Amino acid sequence: MDVDATHRRTAITIGTVRVAVSAFVVVLLVLTYVERIAVGDGNPFDYFGCFTNQTNLLTGVLLGTSGTAGAAAAPGDRPRLPWRSWWIVLPYPVVWLAVVLLRGATDGWVPYGFLLPERGLASLAAHCVGLLVALVAAGAVVWAGSRLRGTLLPRGSRAPA
């Protein structure tokens, strides 16, 4: 069997799976939001104020886009992520956390109970630090994973930068 044909077939399969997962994620987000509306809690700022809903929506959009655009290479088929750019995982969650804490202080709404201001400053600080440490650790796994060999390129080759 032709290696290029195998790579094309693998790329099409990966792209199709990405589009399917994207559709599934977006459908679930819409269904859960519709359920919130049905019980009288349809405030989009509350629903999309949850970090998980925001990141799930972003993931769905990115998977759908990459699947339809033919960017179907698996981890390792892309250039290695430089460790000097690892900081890029921090701005969005830090801004999100600041907005949530500000909103919790002003109108009392936070998306997760462990971020309630009335639980005390020590608890709040510990949870914020814990969230950021977990995020940095997850980022490190992604950066380290970019150094693994992928599935579409022959051993020893790397995608162009």
N, C-alpha and C. Protein backbone atom coordinates (compact mmCIF):
# COMPACT_ATOMS: atom_id res chain seq x y z
N MET A 1 0.84 -1.18 0.00
CA MET A 1 0.00 0.00 0.00
C MET A 1 0.89 1.25 0.00
N ASP A 2 0.49 2.25 -0.73
CA ASP A 2 1.20 3.52 -0.87
C ASP A 2 1.20 4.28 0.46
N VAL A 3 2.39 4.71 0.91
CA VAL A 3 2.52 5.44 2.19
C VAL A 3 1.73 6.74 2.15
N ASP A 4 1.79 7.47 1.01
CA ASP A 4 1.04 8.72 0.89
C ASP A 4 -0.46 8.49 1.00
N ALA A 5 -0.95 7.41 0.39
CA ALA A 5 -2.37 7.08 0.47
C ALA A 5 -2.77 6.77 1.92
N THR A 6 -1.90 6.06 2.62
CA THR A 6 -2.16 5.75 4.03
C THR A 6 -2.21 7.03 4.85
N HIS A 7 -1.26 7.92 4.61
CA HIS A 7 -1.24 9.20 5.34
C HIS A 7 -2.49 10.02 5.03
N ARG A 8 -2.91 10.04 3.76
CA ARG A 8 -4.13 10.78 3.38
C ARG A 8 -5.34 10.19 4.08
N ARG A 9 -5.45 8.87 4.08
CA ARG A 9 -6.59 8.20 4.71
C ARG A 9 -6.60 8.47 6.22
N THR A 10 -5.43 8.44 6.84
CA THR A 10 -5.32 8.74 8.27
C THR A 10 -5.72 10.19 8.53
N ALA A 11 -5.26 11.11 7.68
CA ALA A 11 -5.61 12.53 7.85
C ALA A 11 -7.11 12.74 7.71
N ILE A 12 -7.73 12.06 6.76
CA ILE A 12 -9.19 12.19 6.58
C ILE A 12 -9.92 11.63 7.79
N THR A 13 -9.45 10.51 8.30
CA THR A 13 -10.08 9.91 9.49
C THR A 13 -9.97 10.85 10.68
N ILE A 14 -8.77 11.39 10.91
CA ILE A 14 -8.57 12.31 12.03
C ILE A 14 -9.44 13.56 11.85
N GLY A 15 -9.49 14.10 10.65
CA GLY A 15 -10.32 15.27 10.38
C GLY A 15 -11.79 14.98 10.63
N THR A 16 -12.26 13.82 10.21
CA THR A 16 -13.66 13.43 10.42
C THR A 16 -13.97 13.28 11.90
N VAL A 17 -13.08 12.66 12.64
CA VAL A 17 -13.28 12.50 14.09
C VAL A 17 -13.32 13.87 14.76
N ARG A 18 -12.44 14.78 14.35
CA ARG A 18 -12.43 16.12 14.92
C ARG A 18 -13.76 16.84 14.68
N VAL A 19 -14.28 16.75 13.47
CA VAL A 19 -15.56 17.40 13.15
C VAL A 19 -16.68 16.76 13.97
N ALA A 20 -16.68 15.44 14.08
CA ALA A 20 -17.73 14.75 14.84
C ALA A 20 -17.68 15.14 16.32
N VAL A 21 -16.49 15.17 16.91
CA VAL A 21 -16.36 15.56 18.31
C VAL A 21 -16.78 17.02 18.49
N SER A 22 -16.40 17.86 17.55
CA SER A 22 -16.79 19.27 17.58
C SER A 22 -18.31 19.41 17.60
N ALA A 23 -18.98 18.72 16.70
CA ALA A 23 -20.45 18.77 16.63
C ALA A 23 -21.05 18.28 17.93
N PHE A 24 -20.53 17.19 18.48
CA PHE A 24 -21.03 16.63 19.73
C PHE A 24 -20.91 17.64 20.87
N VAL A 25 -19.75 18.28 20.98
CA VAL A 25 -19.51 19.26 22.05
C VAL A 25 -20.46 20.44 21.92
N VAL A 26 -20.61 20.97 20.71
CA VAL A 26 -21.49 22.13 20.50
C VAL A 26 -22.94 21.75 20.77
N VAL A 27 -23.37 20.58 20.33
CA VAL A 27 -24.74 20.13 20.59
C VAL A 27 -24.98 20.00 22.10
N LEU A 28 -24.03 19.44 22.82
CA LEU A 28 -24.19 19.31 24.28
C LEU A 28 -24.28 20.68 24.95
N LEU A 29 -23.45 21.62 24.52
CA LEU A 29 -23.52 22.97 25.08
C LEU A 29 -24.88 23.61 24.82
N VAL A 30 -25.38 23.47 23.60
CA VAL A 30 -26.69 24.05 23.26
C VAL A 30 -27.79 23.38 24.08
N LEU A 31 -27.75 22.05 24.17
CA LEU A 31 -28.78 21.33 24.94
C LEU A 31 -28.78 21.73 26.42
N THR A 32 -27.62 21.84 27.01
CA THR A 32 -27.59 22.20 28.44
C THR A 32 -28.03 23.65 28.63
N TYR A 33 -27.72 24.52 27.67
CA TYR A 33 -28.18 25.90 27.78
C TYR A 33 -29.71 25.97 27.63
N VAL A 34 -30.26 25.19 26.70
CA VAL A 34 -31.72 25.13 26.52
C VAL A 34 -32.39 24.62 27.80
N GLU A 35 -31.79 23.62 28.45
CA GLU A 35 -32.33 23.12 29.72
C GLU A 35 -32.31 24.21 30.79
N ARG A 36 -31.26 25.02 30.81
CA ARG A 36 -31.21 26.15 31.77
C ARG A 36 -32.32 27.15 31.50
N ILE A 37 -32.57 27.43 30.22
CA ILE A 37 -33.65 28.35 29.85
C ILE A 37 -34.99 27.78 30.31
N ALA A 38 -35.17 26.47 30.13
CA ALA A 38 -36.44 25.82 30.49
C ALA A 38 -36.77 25.94 31.97
N VAL A 39 -35.76 26.05 32.83
CA VAL A 39 -36.00 26.19 34.27
C VAL A 39 -35.91 27.64 34.72
N GLY A 40 -35.89 28.56 33.74
CA GLY A 40 -35.90 29.98 34.07
C GLY A 40 -34.55 30.59 34.38
N ASP A 41 -33.48 29.92 33.99
CA ASP A 41 -32.14 30.44 34.27
C ASP A 41 -31.36 30.54 32.95
N GLY A 42 -31.83 31.42 32.07
CA GLY A 42 -31.23 31.52 30.75
C GLY A 42 -30.23 32.64 30.58
N ASN A 43 -29.69 33.17 31.67
CA ASN A 43 -28.72 34.26 31.57
C ASN A 43 -27.45 33.74 30.89
N PRO A 44 -27.13 34.22 29.68
CA PRO A 44 -25.94 33.71 28.98
C PRO A 44 -24.64 34.07 29.70
N PHE A 45 -24.63 35.16 30.47
CA PHE A 45 -23.41 35.54 31.19
C PHE A 45 -23.11 34.55 32.30
N ASP A 46 -24.17 34.01 32.92
CA ASP A 46 -23.96 32.99 33.94
C ASP A 46 -23.52 31.68 33.29
N TYR A 47 -24.20 31.27 32.22
CA TYR A 47 -23.88 30.00 31.58
C TYR A 47 -22.48 30.01 30.99
N PHE A 48 -22.18 31.05 30.22
CA PHE A 48 -20.86 31.12 29.59
C PHE A 48 -19.82 31.75 30.49
N GLY A 49 -20.22 32.09 31.73
CA GLY A 49 -19.26 32.55 32.72
C GLY A 49 -18.47 31.39 33.30
N CYS A 50 -18.98 30.18 33.11
CA CYS A 50 -18.27 28.98 33.57
C CYS A 50 -17.10 28.69 32.64
N PHE A 51 -15.92 28.55 33.22
CA PHE A 51 -14.71 28.31 32.44
C PHE A 51 -14.85 27.05 31.58
N THR A 52 -15.49 26.02 32.13
CA THR A 52 -15.64 24.77 31.38
C THR A 52 -16.50 24.98 30.14
N ASN A 53 -17.57 25.77 30.24
CA ASN A 53 -18.41 26.02 29.08
C ASN A 53 -17.65 26.85 28.03
N GLN A 54 -16.89 27.83 28.49
CA GLN A 54 -16.11 28.65 27.56
C GLN A 54 -15.06 27.80 26.84
N THR A 55 -14.33 27.01 27.59
CA THR A 55 -13.27 26.22 26.96
C THR A 55 -13.85 25.09 26.10
N ASN A 56 -14.99 24.53 26.50
CA ASN A 56 -15.63 23.52 25.65
C ASN A 56 -16.08 24.12 24.32
N LEU A 57 -16.64 25.32 24.37
CA LEU A 57 -17.05 25.99 23.14
C LEU A 57 -15.83 26.28 22.26
N LEU A 58 -14.77 26.80 22.85
CA LEU A 58 -13.55 27.08 22.11
C LEU A 58 -12.97 25.80 21.51
N THR A 59 -12.95 24.73 22.29
CA THR A 59 -12.44 23.45 21.81
C THR A 59 -13.28 22.94 20.65
N GLY A 60 -14.60 23.04 20.77
CA GLY A 60 -15.48 22.61 19.68
C GLY A 60 -15.22 23.38 18.40
N VAL A 61 -15.07 24.68 18.52
CA VAL A 61 -14.81 25.52 17.34
C VAL A 61 -13.45 25.16 16.72
N LEU A 62 -12.43 25.02 17.57
CA LEU A 62 -11.10 24.70 17.06
C LEU A 62 -11.05 23.32 16.41
N LEU A 63 -11.70 22.33 17.04
CA LEU A 63 -11.72 20.99 16.45
C LEU A 63 -12.45 20.99 15.13
N GLY A 64 -13.59 21.67 15.06
CA GLY A 64 -14.35 21.74 13.82
C GLY A 64 -13.57 22.43 12.72
N THR A 65 -12.92 23.53 13.08
CA THR A 65 -12.14 24.27 12.10
C THR A 65 -10.96 23.45 11.60
N SER A 66 -10.23 22.84 12.54
CA SER A 66 -9.06 22.06 12.12
C SER A 66 -9.46 20.82 11.34
N GLY A 67 -10.59 20.24 11.68
CA GLY A 67 -11.05 19.05 10.95
C GLY A 67 -11.49 19.37 9.54
N THR A 68 -12.19 20.51 9.37
CA THR A 68 -12.66 20.86 8.03
C THR A 68 -11.58 21.51 7.19
N ALA A 69 -10.60 22.13 7.84
CA ALA A 69 -9.52 22.81 7.10
C ALA A 69 -8.44 21.84 6.66
N GLY A 70 -8.55 20.58 7.04
CA GLY A 70 -7.56 19.60 6.64
C GLY A 70 -6.31 19.63 7.50
N ALA A 71 -6.37 20.32 8.63
CA ALA A 71 -5.22 20.36 9.54
C ALA A 71 -5.32 19.15 10.45
N ALA A 72 -5.20 17.99 9.87
CA ALA A 72 -5.49 16.76 10.59
C ALA A 72 -4.27 16.05 11.13
N ALA A 73 -3.19 16.74 11.27
CA ALA A 73 -1.99 16.10 11.80
C ALA A 73 -2.16 15.88 13.30
N ALA A 74 -1.66 14.76 13.77
CA ALA A 74 -1.73 14.43 15.19
C ALA A 74 -0.57 15.09 15.92
N PRO A 75 -0.64 15.15 17.26
CA PRO A 75 0.49 15.72 18.01
C PRO A 75 1.78 15.04 17.60
N GLY A 76 2.81 15.82 17.46
CA GLY A 76 4.09 15.28 17.02
C GLY A 76 4.31 15.50 15.53
N ASP A 77 3.22 15.71 14.78
CA ASP A 77 3.35 15.99 13.36
C ASP A 77 3.51 17.49 13.12
N ARG A 78 3.47 18.23 14.15
CA ARG A 78 3.65 19.68 14.11
C ARG A 78 5.01 20.01 14.72
N PRO A 79 5.48 21.23 14.50
CA PRO A 79 6.75 21.61 15.13
C PRO A 79 6.63 21.56 16.65
N ARG A 80 7.73 21.33 17.30
CA ARG A 80 7.74 21.32 18.76
C ARG A 80 7.41 22.71 19.28
N LEU A 81 6.63 22.76 20.35
CA LEU A 81 6.31 24.05 20.97
C LEU A 81 7.51 24.51 21.78
N PRO A 82 8.01 25.71 21.52
CA PRO A 82 9.18 26.19 22.28
C PRO A 82 8.79 26.50 23.73
N TRP A 83 9.60 26.05 24.67
CA TRP A 83 9.30 26.27 26.09
C TRP A 83 9.21 27.75 26.42
N ARG A 84 9.88 28.60 25.68
CA ARG A 84 9.82 30.04 25.96
C ARG A 84 8.42 30.61 25.70
N SER A 85 7.56 29.88 24.98
CA SER A 85 6.20 30.36 24.72
C SER A 85 5.17 29.70 25.64
N TRP A 86 5.63 28.95 26.61
CA TRP A 86 4.76 28.22 27.54
C TRP A 86 3.84 29.17 28.31
N TRP A 87 4.27 30.41 28.54
CA TRP A 87 3.49 31.40 29.28
C TRP A 87 2.13 31.66 28.64
N ILE A 88 1.97 31.33 27.35
CA ILE A 88 0.74 31.65 26.62
C ILE A 88 -0.49 30.95 27.22
N VAL A 89 -0.27 29.93 28.04
CA VAL A 89 -1.42 29.26 28.67
C VAL A 89 -2.03 30.08 29.79
N LEU A 90 -1.35 31.11 30.26
CA LEU A 90 -1.81 31.86 31.43
C LEU A 90 -2.77 33.04 31.21
N PRO A 91 -2.61 33.89 30.20
CA PRO A 91 -3.42 35.11 30.14
C PRO A 91 -4.93 34.89 30.19
N TYR A 92 -5.46 34.01 29.37
CA TYR A 92 -6.91 33.81 29.33
C TYR A 92 -7.47 33.36 30.69
N PRO A 93 -6.93 32.31 31.31
CA PRO A 93 -7.47 31.90 32.61
C PRO A 93 -7.26 32.94 33.70
N VAL A 94 -6.15 33.67 33.67
CA VAL A 94 -5.91 34.69 34.69
C VAL A 94 -6.93 35.83 34.54
N VAL A 95 -7.19 36.25 33.30
CA VAL A 95 -8.21 37.29 33.08
C VAL A 95 -9.58 36.76 33.48
N TRP A 96 -9.91 35.51 33.10
CA TRP A 96 -11.18 34.91 33.49
C TRP A 96 -11.33 34.91 35.00
N LEU A 97 -10.31 34.48 35.70
CA LEU A 97 -10.34 34.42 37.15
C LEU A 97 -10.53 35.81 37.75
N ALA A 98 -9.84 36.81 37.22
CA ALA A 98 -10.00 38.18 37.72
C ALA A 98 -11.43 38.67 37.52
N VAL A 99 -12.00 38.41 36.35
CA VAL A 99 -13.39 38.84 36.07
C VAL A 99 -14.36 38.13 37.01
N VAL A 100 -14.17 36.84 37.21
CA VAL A 100 -15.06 36.08 38.10
C VAL A 100 -14.95 36.58 39.53
N LEU A 101 -13.74 36.84 40.00
CA LEU A 101 -13.57 37.33 41.37
C LEU A 101 -14.17 38.72 41.53
N LEU A 102 -14.02 39.56 40.52
CA LEU A 102 -14.63 40.89 40.55
C LEU A 102 -16.15 40.79 40.56
N ARG A 103 -16.67 39.92 39.71
CA ARG A 103 -18.12 39.73 39.67
C ARG A 103 -18.62 39.14 41.00
N GLY A 104 -17.88 38.21 41.57
CA GLY A 104 -18.28 37.64 42.86
C GLY A 104 -18.31 38.69 43.94
N ALA A 105 -17.37 39.63 43.90
CA ALA A 105 -17.32 40.70 44.91
C ALA A 105 -18.41 41.73 44.69
N THR A 106 -18.83 41.94 43.43
CA THR A 106 -19.82 42.98 43.16
C THR A 106 -21.26 42.50 43.19
N ASP A 107 -21.54 41.36 42.56
CA ASP A 107 -22.94 40.90 42.56
C ASP A 107 -23.15 39.53 43.20
N GLY A 108 -22.07 38.93 43.72
CA GLY A 108 -22.21 37.68 44.46
C GLY A 108 -22.24 36.42 43.62
N TRP A 109 -22.21 36.55 42.28
CA TRP A 109 -22.28 35.37 41.43
C TRP A 109 -20.88 34.89 41.06
N VAL A 110 -20.66 33.61 41.30
CA VAL A 110 -19.45 32.94 40.83
C VAL A 110 -19.89 31.60 40.23
N PRO A 111 -19.19 31.09 39.24
CA PRO A 111 -19.63 29.86 38.59
C PRO A 111 -19.38 28.59 39.40
N TYR A 112 -18.47 28.67 40.34
CA TYR A 112 -18.12 27.48 41.12
C TYR A 112 -18.12 27.85 42.60
N GLY A 113 -18.70 27.00 43.42
CA GLY A 113 -18.83 27.27 44.84
C GLY A 113 -17.53 27.53 45.57
N PHE A 114 -16.44 26.91 45.13
CA PHE A 114 -15.17 27.12 45.83
C PHE A 114 -14.60 28.52 45.60
N LEU A 115 -15.22 29.31 44.71
CA LEU A 115 -14.78 30.68 44.48
C LEU A 115 -15.65 31.71 45.20
N LEU A 116 -16.56 31.24 46.03
CA LEU A 116 -17.42 32.17 46.77
C LEU A 116 -16.58 32.99 47.75
N PRO A 117 -16.74 34.33 47.70
CA PRO A 117 -15.96 35.20 48.58
C PRO A 117 -16.20 34.91 50.07
N GLU A 118 -17.41 34.49 50.43
CA GLU A 118 -17.71 34.26 51.85
C GLU A 118 -16.99 33.04 52.43
N ARG A 119 -16.32 32.27 51.62
CA ARG A 119 -15.54 31.12 52.13
C ARG A 119 -14.22 31.56 52.75
N GLY A 120 -13.90 32.84 52.58
CA GLY A 120 -12.69 33.39 53.20
C GLY A 120 -11.56 33.57 52.21
N LEU A 121 -10.73 34.53 52.53
CA LEU A 121 -9.61 34.88 51.66
C LEU A 121 -8.61 33.73 51.52
N ALA A 122 -8.32 33.03 52.62
CA ALA A 122 -7.35 31.93 52.56
C ALA A 122 -7.83 30.82 51.62
N SER A 123 -9.10 30.45 51.72
CA SER A 123 -9.66 29.42 50.85
C SER A 123 -9.65 29.87 49.40
N LEU A 124 -10.05 31.11 49.19
CA LEU A 124 -10.10 31.66 47.84
C LEU A 124 -8.69 31.69 47.22
N ALA A 125 -7.71 32.17 47.98
CA ALA A 125 -6.34 32.23 47.48
C ALA A 125 -5.80 30.83 47.18
N ALA A 126 -6.06 29.88 48.07
CA ALA A 126 -5.58 28.52 47.87
C ALA A 126 -6.18 27.90 46.61
N HIS A 127 -7.47 28.13 46.40
CA HIS A 127 -8.11 27.58 45.21
C HIS A 127 -7.60 28.24 43.94
N CYS A 128 -7.39 29.55 43.97
CA CYS A 128 -6.87 30.26 42.80
C CYS A 128 -5.47 29.76 42.45
N VAL A 129 -4.62 29.64 43.46
CA VAL A 129 -3.26 29.13 43.23
C VAL A 129 -3.32 27.70 42.71
N GLY A 130 -4.17 26.88 43.30
CA GLY A 130 -4.32 25.49 42.85
C GLY A 130 -4.77 25.40 41.40
N LEU A 131 -5.73 26.25 41.02
CA LEU A 131 -6.19 26.27 39.63
C LEU A 131 -5.06 26.64 38.68
N LEU A 132 -4.30 27.66 39.04
CA LEU A 132 -3.22 28.11 38.16
C LEU A 132 -2.09 27.08 38.08
N VAL A 133 -1.79 26.42 39.20
CA VAL A 133 -0.76 25.37 39.18
C VAL A 133 -1.22 24.21 38.29
N ALA A 134 -2.49 23.81 38.40
CA ALA A 134 -3.01 22.74 37.55
C ALA A 134 -2.96 23.13 36.08
N LEU A 135 -3.27 24.39 35.79
CA LEU A 135 -3.22 24.87 34.42
C LEU A 135 -1.79 24.84 33.87
N VAL A 136 -0.84 25.31 34.64
CA VAL A 136 0.56 25.32 34.21
C VAL A 136 1.04 23.88 34.00
N ALA A 137 0.63 22.97 34.87
CA ALA A 137 1.01 21.56 34.73
C ALA A 137 0.40 20.96 33.46
N ALA A 138 -0.86 21.27 33.19
CA ALA A 138 -1.51 20.78 31.96
C ALA A 138 -0.79 21.33 30.73
N GLY A 139 -0.41 22.61 30.80
CA GLY A 139 0.34 23.20 29.70
C GLY A 139 1.67 22.49 29.49
N ALA A 140 2.33 22.13 30.58
CA ALA A 140 3.61 21.42 30.47
C ALA A 140 3.43 20.07 29.78
N VAL A 141 2.32 19.39 30.06
CA VAL A 141 2.04 18.11 29.41
C VAL A 141 1.87 18.32 27.90
N VAL A 142 1.16 19.37 27.52
CA VAL A 142 0.97 19.66 26.09
C VAL A 142 2.30 19.99 25.43
N TRP A 143 3.09 20.85 26.08
CA TRP A 143 4.40 21.23 25.51
C TRP A 143 5.30 19.99 25.39
N ALA A 144 5.31 19.14 26.42
CA ALA A 144 6.11 17.92 26.36
C ALA A 144 5.58 16.98 25.27
N GLY A 145 4.26 16.91 25.13
CA GLY A 145 3.65 16.06 24.11
C GLY A 145 4.02 16.48 22.70
N SER A 146 4.32 17.77 22.52
CA SER A 146 4.69 18.23 21.18
C SER A 146 6.05 17.67 20.76
N ARG A 147 6.75 17.06 21.67
CA ARG A 147 8.04 16.47 21.36
C ARG A 147 7.93 14.99 20.98
N LEU A 148 6.74 14.42 21.09
CA LEU A 148 6.54 13.02 20.74
C LEU A 148 6.37 12.87 19.23
N ARG A 149 6.77 11.73 18.73
CA ARG A 149 6.60 11.45 17.31
C ARG A 149 5.12 11.26 17.02
N GLY A 150 4.67 11.79 15.91
CA GLY A 150 3.26 11.71 15.53
C GLY A 150 2.93 10.47 14.73
N THR A 151 1.74 10.45 14.17
CA THR A 151 1.28 9.28 13.44
C THR A 151 1.35 9.44 11.93
N LEU A 152 1.43 10.68 11.43
CA LEU A 152 1.35 10.88 9.99
C LEU A 152 2.69 11.00 9.29
N LEU A 153 3.72 11.38 10.02
CA LEU A 153 5.02 11.55 9.40
C LEU A 153 5.91 10.35 9.69
N PRO A 154 6.77 10.01 8.74
CA PRO A 154 7.69 8.90 8.99
C PRO A 154 8.62 9.22 10.16
N ARG A 155 9.11 8.18 10.82
CA ARG A 155 9.99 8.34 11.96
C ARG A 155 11.17 9.24 11.58
N GLY A 156 11.46 10.19 12.48
CA GLY A 156 12.60 11.07 12.27
C GLY A 156 12.26 12.33 11.50
N SER A 157 11.10 12.40 10.86
CA SER A 157 10.77 13.64 10.13
C SER A 157 9.91 14.52 10.99
N ARG A 158 9.96 15.81 10.73
CA ARG A 158 9.17 16.78 11.46
C ARG A 158 8.47 17.65 10.43
N ALA A 159 7.32 18.16 10.82
CA ALA A 159 6.62 19.11 9.93
C ALA A 159 7.42 20.39 9.88
N PRO A 160 7.37 21.09 8.75
CA PRO A 160 8.10 22.37 8.67
C PRO A 160 7.54 23.37 9.65
N ALA A 161 8.41 24.23 10.17
CA ALA A 161 7.98 25.24 11.14
C ALA A 161 7.17 26.32 10.50
